[in-house]
Structure formats: structure tokens, C-alpha cells
Amino acid sequence: MSSAPNPHSLSGWDDEVELSADMILDQAASEMRDRAKTYDKPQGERSMAATVSAFSAITGVTMNEQQGWQFMEVLKMVRSNQGAYRADSFIDGAAYAALAGEAAARG
């Protein structure tokens, strides 16, 4: 099996690569930094507060920021159990867990 990133994969990794936990966490941190440059702020991914506010306005269902990240984490868990293995489900899930923890720590 190859251990090199695949630039054509959504996660940057071949889905046949056996990723270690360290590799998943490192890739999750790298993708969070990349998404921050593309979508959010230099300090990182910070779109969930606005997202849950908009969701509440549309649906009437209220979630806090931590719950929003946990919702995304559950989505990745569900996807990881449907069909073939996809590295990005676990990489994104790790990132969402970290962001949920950060939101919880802030209160």
C-alpha cells in the first residue's frame, strides 16, 4: 500500500492507504488550517456559530456551536458506515470532534 497523499482524493489520501491515528489527526489539523485560509479566519474554522444561528432562523431548532460541530461529527460517523472506506470521513470527523471540544471549552 502507498503512504503518499493523493492530490486527486477529497481528503488528499488514497482510500486504500492504512492511515494511523496520528496521520488522521495531522491531516485533520492541516485541512482545518487550509479551510481557514479559504473560508474563515486566520485563527481557523469559525463558521459554525453563524451556521447554527441560520439553521435556527430557518427551522426553529436551536443548537449551540458545540452541538453544531457534533452534528457534523455524527454525519461523518454515519457516512463512515455506508459503503466503502473513505479516509475523509475519519479525517473530517476528527476535525469536527476537535472543534466541538474547543467550543465546549469556551462555554
N, C-alpha and C. Protein backbone atom coordinates (compact mmCIF):
# COMPACT_ATOMS: atom_id res chain seq x y z
N MET A 1 0.83 -1.19 0.00
CA MET A 1 0.00 0.00 0.00
C MET A 1 0.87 1.25 0.00
N SER A 2 0.39 2.25 -0.65
CA SER A 2 1.08 3.53 -0.72
C SER A 2 0.81 4.33 0.55
N SER A 3 1.76 5.18 0.95
CA SER A 3 1.52 6.06 2.09
C SER A 3 1.61 7.52 1.69
N ALA A 4 1.61 7.77 0.41
CA ALA A 4 1.74 9.15 -0.08
C ALA A 4 0.37 9.77 -0.28
N PRO A 5 0.25 11.06 0.00
CA PRO A 5 -1.01 11.75 -0.26
C PRO A 5 -1.38 11.68 -1.74
N ASN A 6 -2.65 11.62 -2.02
CA ASN A 6 -3.16 11.62 -3.39
C ASN A 6 -3.85 12.96 -3.61
N PRO A 7 -3.31 13.83 -4.45
CA PRO A 7 -3.91 15.15 -4.64
C PRO A 7 -5.28 15.10 -5.31
N HIS A 8 -5.69 13.95 -5.84
CA HIS A 8 -6.98 13.82 -6.51
C HIS A 8 -8.09 13.33 -5.57
N SER A 9 -7.72 12.92 -4.36
CA SER A 9 -8.70 12.46 -3.38
C SER A 9 -9.23 13.66 -2.59
N LEU A 10 -10.50 13.59 -2.15
CA LEU A 10 -11.06 14.69 -1.36
C LEU A 10 -10.24 14.97 -0.12
N SER A 11 -9.78 13.92 0.53
CA SER A 11 -9.01 14.09 1.76
C SER A 11 -7.52 14.27 1.48
N GLY A 12 -7.09 14.03 0.23
CA GLY A 12 -5.68 14.09 -0.08
C GLY A 12 -5.00 12.74 0.09
N TRP A 13 -5.72 11.73 0.56
CA TRP A 13 -5.16 10.40 0.79
C TRP A 13 -5.91 9.37 -0.04
N ASP A 14 -5.18 8.40 -0.54
CA ASP A 14 -5.82 7.26 -1.19
C ASP A 14 -6.68 6.54 -0.16
N ASP A 15 -7.85 6.10 -0.53
CA ASP A 15 -8.72 5.43 0.41
C ASP A 15 -8.23 4.02 0.73
N GLU A 16 -7.20 3.55 0.03
CA GLU A 16 -6.64 2.24 0.31
C GLU A 16 -5.46 2.32 1.26
N VAL A 17 -5.02 3.53 1.60
CA VAL A 17 -3.89 3.72 2.50
C VAL A 17 -4.34 3.44 3.93
N GLU A 18 -3.53 2.69 4.64
CA GLU A 18 -3.81 2.45 6.05
C GLU A 18 -3.27 3.63 6.84
N LEU A 19 -4.15 4.52 7.24
CA LEU A 19 -3.76 5.70 8.00
C LEU A 19 -3.69 5.38 9.48
N SER A 20 -2.63 5.82 10.13
CA SER A 20 -2.54 5.69 11.59
C SER A 20 -3.37 6.81 12.23
N ALA A 21 -3.65 6.66 13.51
CA ALA A 21 -4.38 7.71 14.22
C ALA A 21 -3.64 9.04 14.14
N ASP A 22 -2.31 9.00 14.27
CA ASP A 22 -1.51 10.23 14.17
C ASP A 22 -1.66 10.87 12.80
N MET A 23 -1.67 10.06 11.75
CA MET A 23 -1.81 10.59 10.39
C MET A 23 -3.18 11.23 10.21
N ILE A 24 -4.23 10.60 10.75
CA ILE A 24 -5.58 11.16 10.65
C ILE A 24 -5.64 12.51 11.36
N LEU A 25 -5.09 12.58 12.57
CA LEU A 25 -5.12 13.84 13.33
C LEU A 25 -4.29 14.92 12.64
N ASP A 26 -3.12 14.56 12.14
CA ASP A 26 -2.28 15.53 11.43
C ASP A 26 -2.99 16.07 10.19
N GLN A 27 -3.63 15.16 9.43
CA GLN A 27 -4.34 15.59 8.22
C GLN A 27 -5.54 16.46 8.58
N ALA A 28 -6.24 16.11 9.67
CA ALA A 28 -7.39 16.92 10.11
C ALA A 28 -6.93 18.34 10.45
N ALA A 29 -5.82 18.46 11.17
CA ALA A 29 -5.30 19.79 11.53
C ALA A 29 -4.88 20.55 10.27
N SER A 30 -4.26 19.86 9.33
CA SER A 30 -3.84 20.50 8.09
C SER A 30 -5.05 21.01 7.30
N GLU A 31 -6.09 20.19 7.22
CA GLU A 31 -7.29 20.62 6.48
C GLU A 31 -8.00 21.76 7.17
N MET A 32 -8.00 21.78 8.50
CA MET A 32 -8.61 22.90 9.22
C MET A 32 -7.88 24.19 8.90
N ARG A 33 -6.54 24.14 8.86
CA ARG A 33 -5.77 25.34 8.51
C ARG A 33 -6.06 25.78 7.08
N ASP A 34 -6.15 24.81 6.17
CA ASP A 34 -6.44 25.13 4.77
C ASP A 34 -7.82 25.74 4.61
N ARG A 35 -8.81 25.19 5.28
CA ARG A 35 -10.18 25.72 5.19
C ARG A 35 -10.27 27.10 5.82
N ALA A 36 -9.49 27.33 6.86
CA ALA A 36 -9.48 28.66 7.49
C ALA A 36 -9.00 29.70 6.49
N LYS A 37 -7.97 29.36 5.72
CA LYS A 37 -7.45 30.30 4.72
C LYS A 37 -8.49 30.55 3.62
N THR A 38 -9.21 29.50 3.28
CA THR A 38 -10.16 29.59 2.16
C THR A 38 -11.48 30.24 2.57
N TYR A 39 -12.01 29.85 3.73
CA TYR A 39 -13.38 30.23 4.08
C TYR A 39 -13.52 31.13 5.30
N ASP A 40 -12.63 31.02 6.25
CA ASP A 40 -12.88 31.64 7.54
C ASP A 40 -11.82 32.68 7.92
N LYS A 41 -11.22 32.50 9.06
CA LYS A 41 -10.31 33.48 9.63
C LYS A 41 -8.94 32.85 9.85
N PRO A 42 -7.91 33.67 9.99
CA PRO A 42 -6.57 33.11 10.20
C PRO A 42 -6.47 32.18 11.41
N GLN A 43 -7.27 32.42 12.46
CA GLN A 43 -7.21 31.55 13.63
C GLN A 43 -7.91 30.21 13.42
N GLY A 44 -8.60 30.06 12.31
CA GLY A 44 -9.16 28.75 11.99
C GLY A 44 -10.62 28.79 11.61
N GLU A 45 -11.16 27.59 11.47
CA GLU A 45 -12.55 27.35 11.08
C GLU A 45 -13.47 27.94 12.14
N ARG A 46 -14.27 28.90 11.77
CA ARG A 46 -15.15 29.56 12.74
C ARG A 46 -16.51 29.87 12.13
N SER A 47 -17.03 28.98 11.32
CA SER A 47 -18.31 29.23 10.65
C SER A 47 -19.51 28.64 11.36
N MET A 48 -19.29 27.82 12.38
CA MET A 48 -20.42 27.09 12.97
C MET A 48 -21.38 28.00 13.75
N ALA A 49 -20.89 29.00 14.44
CA ALA A 49 -21.80 29.89 15.18
C ALA A 49 -22.81 30.52 14.24
N ALA A 50 -22.34 31.02 13.10
CA ALA A 50 -23.25 31.61 12.11
C ALA A 50 -24.16 30.55 11.50
N THR A 51 -23.63 29.35 11.31
CA THR A 51 -24.42 28.26 10.72
C THR A 51 -25.57 27.85 11.63
N VAL A 52 -25.31 27.65 12.92
CA VAL A 52 -26.40 27.23 13.81
C VAL A 52 -27.41 28.36 14.01
N SER A 53 -26.96 29.59 13.94
CA SER A 53 -27.88 30.72 14.03
C SER A 53 -28.82 30.74 12.82
N ALA A 54 -28.26 30.54 11.63
CA ALA A 54 -29.09 30.49 10.42
C ALA A 54 -30.03 29.29 10.45
N PHE A 55 -29.53 28.15 10.90
CA PHE A 55 -30.35 26.93 10.99
C PHE A 55 -31.54 27.17 11.91
N SER A 56 -31.29 27.83 13.02
CA SER A 56 -32.36 28.14 13.97
C SER A 56 -33.39 29.07 13.35
N ALA A 57 -32.94 30.07 12.61
CA ALA A 57 -33.86 31.01 11.98
C ALA A 57 -34.73 30.31 10.93
N ILE A 58 -34.16 29.34 10.24
CA ILE A 58 -34.89 28.63 9.20
C ILE A 58 -35.84 27.58 9.77
N THR A 59 -35.36 26.83 10.78
CA THR A 59 -36.12 25.66 11.27
C THR A 59 -36.80 25.85 12.61
N GLY A 60 -36.34 26.83 13.38
CA GLY A 60 -36.84 26.99 14.74
C GLY A 60 -36.16 26.06 15.74
N VAL A 61 -35.24 25.24 15.28
CA VAL A 61 -34.48 24.32 16.15
C VAL A 61 -33.22 25.04 16.59
N THR A 62 -33.01 25.09 17.89
CA THR A 62 -31.87 25.80 18.43
C THR A 62 -30.75 24.82 18.79
N MET A 63 -29.57 25.09 18.30
CA MET A 63 -28.36 24.35 18.67
C MET A 63 -27.30 25.36 19.03
N ASN A 64 -26.41 24.97 19.93
CA ASN A 64 -25.26 25.83 20.18
C ASN A 64 -24.12 25.40 19.26
N GLU A 65 -23.03 26.12 19.31
CA GLU A 65 -21.90 25.84 18.41
C GLU A 65 -21.35 24.44 18.61
N GLN A 66 -21.19 24.03 19.87
CA GLN A 66 -20.70 22.68 20.15
C GLN A 66 -21.61 21.62 19.52
N GLN A 67 -22.91 21.79 19.67
CA GLN A 67 -23.85 20.83 19.10
C GLN A 67 -23.79 20.82 17.57
N GLY A 68 -23.55 21.97 16.97
CA GLY A 68 -23.41 22.03 15.52
C GLY A 68 -22.24 21.20 15.04
N TRP A 69 -21.09 21.35 15.72
CA TRP A 69 -19.92 20.53 15.34
C TRP A 69 -20.20 19.06 15.60
N GLN A 70 -20.89 18.74 16.70
CA GLN A 70 -21.20 17.35 16.98
C GLN A 70 -22.16 16.77 15.94
N PHE A 71 -23.08 17.58 15.44
CA PHE A 71 -23.97 17.15 14.37
C PHE A 71 -23.15 16.73 13.14
N MET A 72 -22.17 17.56 12.79
CA MET A 72 -21.31 17.24 11.65
C MET A 72 -20.49 15.99 11.91
N GLU A 73 -20.05 15.81 13.15
CA GLU A 73 -19.30 14.62 13.52
C GLU A 73 -20.17 13.36 13.34
N VAL A 74 -21.43 13.44 13.76
CA VAL A 74 -22.35 12.32 13.58
C VAL A 74 -22.57 12.03 12.09
N LEU A 75 -22.70 13.08 11.28
CA LEU A 75 -22.84 12.89 9.84
C LEU A 75 -21.67 12.08 9.30
N LYS A 76 -20.45 12.41 9.71
CA LYS A 76 -19.28 11.67 9.24
C LYS A 76 -19.28 10.24 9.78
N MET A 77 -19.77 10.03 11.00
CA MET A 77 -19.88 8.67 11.53
C MET A 77 -20.84 7.84 10.70
N VAL A 78 -21.97 8.42 10.36
CA VAL A 78 -22.96 7.71 9.54
C VAL A 78 -22.35 7.39 8.18
N ARG A 79 -21.72 8.37 7.56
CA ARG A 79 -21.12 8.13 6.24
C ARG A 79 -20.05 7.05 6.30
N SER A 80 -19.30 7.00 7.40
CA SER A 80 -18.22 6.01 7.51
C SER A 80 -18.75 4.58 7.60
N ASN A 81 -20.04 4.44 7.85
CA ASN A 81 -20.66 3.12 7.95
C ASN A 81 -21.50 2.78 6.74
N GLN A 82 -21.41 3.60 5.71
CA GLN A 82 -22.16 3.35 4.47
C GLN A 82 -21.18 3.17 3.33
N GLY A 83 -21.19 2.02 2.73
CA GLY A 83 -20.33 1.79 1.58
C GLY A 83 -18.89 1.55 1.96
N ALA A 84 -18.03 1.81 1.00
CA ALA A 84 -16.61 1.55 1.15
C ALA A 84 -15.94 2.57 2.07
N TYR A 85 -14.81 2.17 2.60
CA TYR A 85 -13.99 3.04 3.45
C TYR A 85 -13.61 4.31 2.69
N ARG A 86 -13.78 5.45 3.34
CA ARG A 86 -13.35 6.75 2.81
C ARG A 86 -12.56 7.46 3.90
N ALA A 87 -11.31 7.73 3.64
CA ALA A 87 -10.44 8.37 4.63
C ALA A 87 -11.02 9.70 5.10
N ASP A 88 -11.64 10.46 4.19
CA ASP A 88 -12.10 11.80 4.56
C ASP A 88 -13.18 11.76 5.63
N SER A 89 -13.95 10.68 5.74
CA SER A 89 -14.96 10.60 6.81
C SER A 89 -14.30 10.63 8.18
N PHE A 90 -13.16 9.97 8.31
CA PHE A 90 -12.47 9.92 9.60
C PHE A 90 -11.63 11.17 9.84
N ILE A 91 -11.04 11.70 8.79
CA ILE A 91 -10.26 12.94 8.91
C ILE A 91 -11.17 14.10 9.30
N ASP A 92 -12.28 14.26 8.58
CA ASP A 92 -13.22 15.33 8.91
C ASP A 92 -13.86 15.11 10.27
N GLY A 93 -14.17 13.86 10.61
CA GLY A 93 -14.75 13.56 11.92
C GLY A 93 -13.83 13.97 13.05
N ALA A 94 -12.52 13.73 12.87
CA ALA A 94 -11.55 14.13 13.89
C ALA A 94 -11.50 15.66 14.02
N ALA A 95 -11.56 16.34 12.90
CA ALA A 95 -11.56 17.81 12.94
C ALA A 95 -12.81 18.33 13.64
N TYR A 96 -13.97 17.75 13.32
CA TYR A 96 -15.21 18.20 13.95
C TYR A 96 -15.20 17.92 15.45
N ALA A 97 -14.63 16.80 15.87
CA ALA A 97 -14.54 16.50 17.31
C ALA A 97 -13.67 17.55 18.01
N ALA A 98 -12.57 17.93 17.38
CA ALA A 98 -11.69 18.94 17.96
C ALA A 98 -12.39 20.29 18.05
N LEU A 99 -13.12 20.65 17.01
CA LEU A 99 -13.84 21.93 17.02
C LEU A 99 -14.96 21.93 18.06
N ALA A 100 -15.62 20.79 18.24
CA ALA A 100 -16.65 20.68 19.28
C ALA A 100 -16.02 20.84 20.66
N GLY A 101 -14.87 20.22 20.86
CA GLY A 101 -14.17 20.36 22.14
C GLY A 101 -13.75 21.79 22.41
N GLU A 102 -13.28 22.47 21.38
CA GLU A 102 -12.89 23.88 21.53
C GLU A 102 -14.10 24.74 21.89
N ALA A 103 -15.23 24.49 21.22
CA ALA A 103 -16.45 25.24 21.52
C ALA A 103 -16.92 24.98 22.95
N ALA A 104 -16.83 23.72 23.39
CA ALA A 104 -17.23 23.37 24.75
C ALA A 104 -16.33 24.06 25.78
N ALA A 105 -15.04 24.10 25.49
CA ALA A 105 -14.10 24.73 26.42
C ALA A 105 -14.36 26.23 26.57
N ARG A 106 -14.83 26.86 25.50
CA ARG A 106 -15.14 28.28 25.56
C ARG A 106 -16.45 28.54 26.31
N GLY A 107 -17.26 27.49 26.43
CA GLY A 107 -18.53 27.64 27.14
C GLY A 107 -19.61 27.93 26.26
